[in-house]
N, C-alpha and C. Protein backbone atom coordinates (compact mmCIF):
# COMPACT_ATOMS: atom_id res chain seq x y z
N MET A 1 19.56 -23.26 1.82
CA MET A 1 18.73 -21.70 0.86
C MET A 1 17.64 -21.25 1.72
N ILE A 2 17.21 -20.18 2.53
CA ILE A 2 16.03 -19.39 3.13
C ILE A 2 15.76 -17.90 2.38
N PHE A 3 14.38 -19.15 2.56
CA PHE A 3 12.93 -17.69 1.11
C PHE A 3 12.88 -17.13 1.95
N SER A 4 12.52 -15.72 1.78
CA SER A 4 11.86 -15.31 2.85
C SER A 4 10.60 -14.23 2.24
N ARG A 5 9.70 -14.94 2.95
CA ARG A 5 7.96 -14.02 2.55
C ARG A 5 8.08 -12.54 2.34
N LYS A 6 7.50 -12.14 1.30
CA LYS A 6 7.34 -10.67 0.99
C LYS A 6 5.95 -10.11 2.07
N LYS A 7 6.34 -9.53 2.95
CA LYS A 7 5.22 -8.50 3.26
C LYS A 7 3.61 -8.00 2.50
N GLN A 8 2.74 -8.73 2.68
CA GLN A 8 1.54 -8.38 2.25
C GLN A 8 1.43 -6.68 2.08
N GLU A 9 1.21 -6.02 0.94
CA GLU A 9 0.65 -4.62 1.23
C GLU A 9 -0.23 -4.59 1.14
N ILE A 10 -1.42 -3.78 1.51
CA ILE A 10 -2.77 -3.01 1.30
C ILE A 10 -2.37 -1.68 0.22
N LEU A 11 -3.10 -2.19 -1.18
CA LEU A 11 -3.19 -0.95 -1.55
C LEU A 11 -4.63 0.10 -1.43
N ASP A 12 -4.14 0.70 -1.59
CA ASP A 12 -5.48 1.86 -1.76
C ASP A 12 -5.99 2.60 -3.13
N PRO A 13 -6.56 2.39 -4.19
CA PRO A 13 -6.30 2.51 -5.32
C PRO A 13 -7.01 3.79 -5.77
N TYR A 14 -6.49 4.60 -6.74
CA TYR A 14 -6.78 6.38 -7.02
C TYR A 14 -7.18 6.48 -8.58
N THR A 15 -7.76 6.83 -8.79
CA THR A 15 -7.91 7.72 -10.47
C THR A 15 -7.33 9.10 -10.63
N VAL A 16 -6.98 8.85 -11.92
CA VAL A 16 -6.16 10.33 -12.24
C VAL A 16 -7.19 10.73 -13.46
N GLU A 17 -7.72 11.97 -13.27
CA GLU A 17 -8.60 12.20 -14.56
C GLU A 17 -7.82 13.36 -15.44
N GLN A 18 -7.46 13.87 -16.27
CA GLN A 18 -6.77 14.50 -17.22
C GLN A 18 -7.83 15.21 -18.00
N CYS A 19 -7.92 16.83 -18.43
CA CYS A 19 -8.90 17.58 -19.61
C CYS A 19 -7.96 17.29 -20.89
N THR A 20 -8.77 17.18 -21.85
CA THR A 20 -7.63 16.46 -22.75
C THR A 20 -7.01 18.46 -23.35
N SER A 21 -8.11 19.56 -23.32
CA SER A 21 -7.75 20.76 -24.01
C SER A 21 -6.68 21.58 -23.19
N CYS A 22 -6.89 21.76 -21.99
CA CYS A 22 -5.98 22.59 -20.94
C CYS A 22 -5.08 21.90 -19.39
N ASN A 23 -5.21 20.39 -20.01
CA ASN A 23 -4.50 19.72 -19.35
C ASN A 23 -4.68 19.70 -17.51
N ALA A 24 -5.76 20.15 -17.17
CA ALA A 24 -5.97 20.09 -15.56
C ALA A 24 -6.56 19.02 -15.07
N SER A 25 -5.75 17.96 -14.31
CA SER A 25 -5.58 17.14 -13.59
C SER A 25 -6.13 16.77 -12.27
N LYS A 26 -6.70 16.16 -11.86
CA LYS A 26 -7.56 15.53 -10.33
C LYS A 26 -7.34 14.25 -10.18
N LYS A 27 -7.26 13.72 -8.98
CA LYS A 27 -6.87 12.65 -8.87
C LYS A 27 -8.23 12.43 -7.73
N ARG A 28 -8.61 10.91 -7.46
CA ARG A 28 -9.85 10.80 -6.71
C ARG A 28 -10.21 9.29 -6.67
N LYS A 29 -10.50 8.79 -5.43
CA LYS A 29 -10.72 7.58 -5.11
C LYS A 29 -11.16 6.89 -6.64
N PHE A 30 -10.78 5.62 -6.50
CA PHE A 30 -10.82 4.58 -7.59
C PHE A 30 -12.30 3.96 -7.37
N ALA A 31 -13.22 4.11 -8.48
CA ALA A 31 -14.42 3.53 -8.48
C ALA A 31 -15.15 2.44 -9.89
N GLU A 32 -16.00 1.30 -9.35
CA GLU A 32 -15.52 -0.06 -10.15
C GLU A 32 -16.17 0.77 -11.73
N GLY A 33 -15.58 0.35 -12.09
CA GLY A 33 -15.76 0.35 -14.13
C GLY A 33 -15.06 1.70 -14.36
N ASP A 34 -14.01 2.47 -13.56
CA ASP A 34 -13.03 3.14 -14.32
C ASP A 34 -12.13 2.48 -15.37
N TYR A 35 -11.33 2.77 -16.17
CA TYR A 35 -10.36 1.91 -17.36
C TYR A 35 -9.90 3.32 -17.72
N VAL A 36 -8.09 3.03 -17.62
CA VAL A 36 -7.57 4.60 -18.78
C VAL A 36 -8.66 4.67 -20.21
N PHE A 37 -8.50 6.09 -20.23
CA PHE A 37 -9.20 6.89 -21.86
C PHE A 37 -10.43 6.65 -21.37
N LYS A 38 -10.89 6.55 -20.51
CA LYS A 38 -12.41 6.50 -19.96
C LYS A 38 -13.10 7.99 -20.02
N ALA A 39 -14.10 8.49 -21.43
CA ALA A 39 -14.05 9.43 -21.15
C ALA A 39 -15.78 9.66 -20.27
N ILE A 40 -14.81 11.11 -19.27
CA ILE A 40 -15.81 11.33 -17.87
C ILE A 40 -17.22 12.86 -18.21
N GLY A 41 -16.76 13.64 -18.96
CA GLY A 41 -17.59 14.32 -19.52
C GLY A 41 -16.52 15.36 -19.57
N ASN A 42 -17.62 16.79 -19.39
CA ASN A 42 -16.33 17.96 -19.89
C ASN A 42 -15.91 18.54 -18.70
N CYS A 43 -14.76 19.43 -19.28
CA CYS A 43 -14.00 20.12 -17.97
C CYS A 43 -14.32 20.90 -17.47
N THR A 44 -14.72 21.35 -15.92
CA THR A 44 -15.23 22.53 -15.55
C THR A 44 -14.13 23.49 -15.73
N SER A 45 -13.00 23.48 -16.11
CA SER A 45 -11.98 24.83 -15.72
C SER A 45 -12.14 24.90 -16.87
N CYS A 46 -11.72 24.53 -18.00
CA CYS A 46 -12.00 25.58 -18.96
C CYS A 46 -13.30 25.35 -20.02
N ASN A 47 -14.19 24.42 -19.56
CA ASN A 47 -15.37 24.55 -20.36
C ASN A 47 -15.33 24.11 -21.52
N ASN A 48 -14.20 23.45 -22.01
CA ASN A 48 -14.09 23.52 -23.63
C ASN A 48 -13.47 21.88 -23.66
N GLY A 49 -12.43 21.57 -23.13
CA GLY A 49 -12.21 19.93 -23.74
C GLY A 49 -12.88 18.95 -23.10
N GLN A 50 -12.46 17.51 -23.08
CA GLN A 50 -13.01 16.44 -22.60
C GLN A 50 -12.36 15.96 -21.59
N VAL A 51 -12.82 15.33 -20.45
CA VAL A 51 -11.95 14.74 -19.12
C VAL A 51 -12.11 13.26 -19.55
N THR A 52 -10.71 12.60 -19.17
CA THR A 52 -10.53 11.20 -19.55
C THR A 52 -9.33 10.72 -18.35
N VAL A 53 -9.73 9.79 -18.23
CA VAL A 53 -8.85 8.80 -17.42
C VAL A 53 -7.35 8.44 -17.68
N LEU A 54 -6.32 8.89 -17.08
CA LEU A 54 -4.91 9.00 -17.66
C LEU A 54 -4.96 8.01 -16.98
N LYS A 55 -4.98 7.86 -15.82
CA LYS A 55 -3.88 6.75 -14.98
C LYS A 55 -4.56 5.93 -13.97
N ILE A 56 -4.49 4.57 -13.44
CA ILE A 56 -5.34 4.04 -12.17
C ILE A 56 -3.92 3.53 -11.82
N TYR A 57 -4.05 4.02 -10.25
CA TYR A 57 -2.39 3.05 -9.56
C TYR A 57 -2.89 2.90 -8.19
N GLY A 58 -2.16 2.56 -7.23
CA GLY A 58 -1.93 2.25 -5.93
C GLY A 58 -1.39 2.70 -4.97
N GLU A 59 -1.86 3.64 -4.13
CA GLU A 59 -0.93 3.63 -2.69
C GLU A 59 -0.88 3.17 -1.71
N THR A 60 0.61 2.82 -1.26
CA THR A 60 0.61 2.07 0.29
C THR A 60 -0.05 2.46 1.51
N ILE A 61 -1.16 1.85 1.73
CA ILE A 61 -1.87 1.95 3.15
C ILE A 61 -0.49 1.43 4.37
N LYS A 62 0.15 2.27 5.18
CA LYS A 62 0.91 2.49 6.35
C LYS A 62 0.02 2.40 7.75
């Protein structure tokens, strides 16, 4: 039986922030201390909602 070793991929982490009121979203580089549902601050688009971290993911660097 031949086992193949999976090529290691380098990931670039990103954070997606979203407003709870107007659903405006923004993708930015991951910063240390980010976690899902973290409150970031007030929305600059609608000045009404709270911006929270929606998801954190990695994109493969080619």
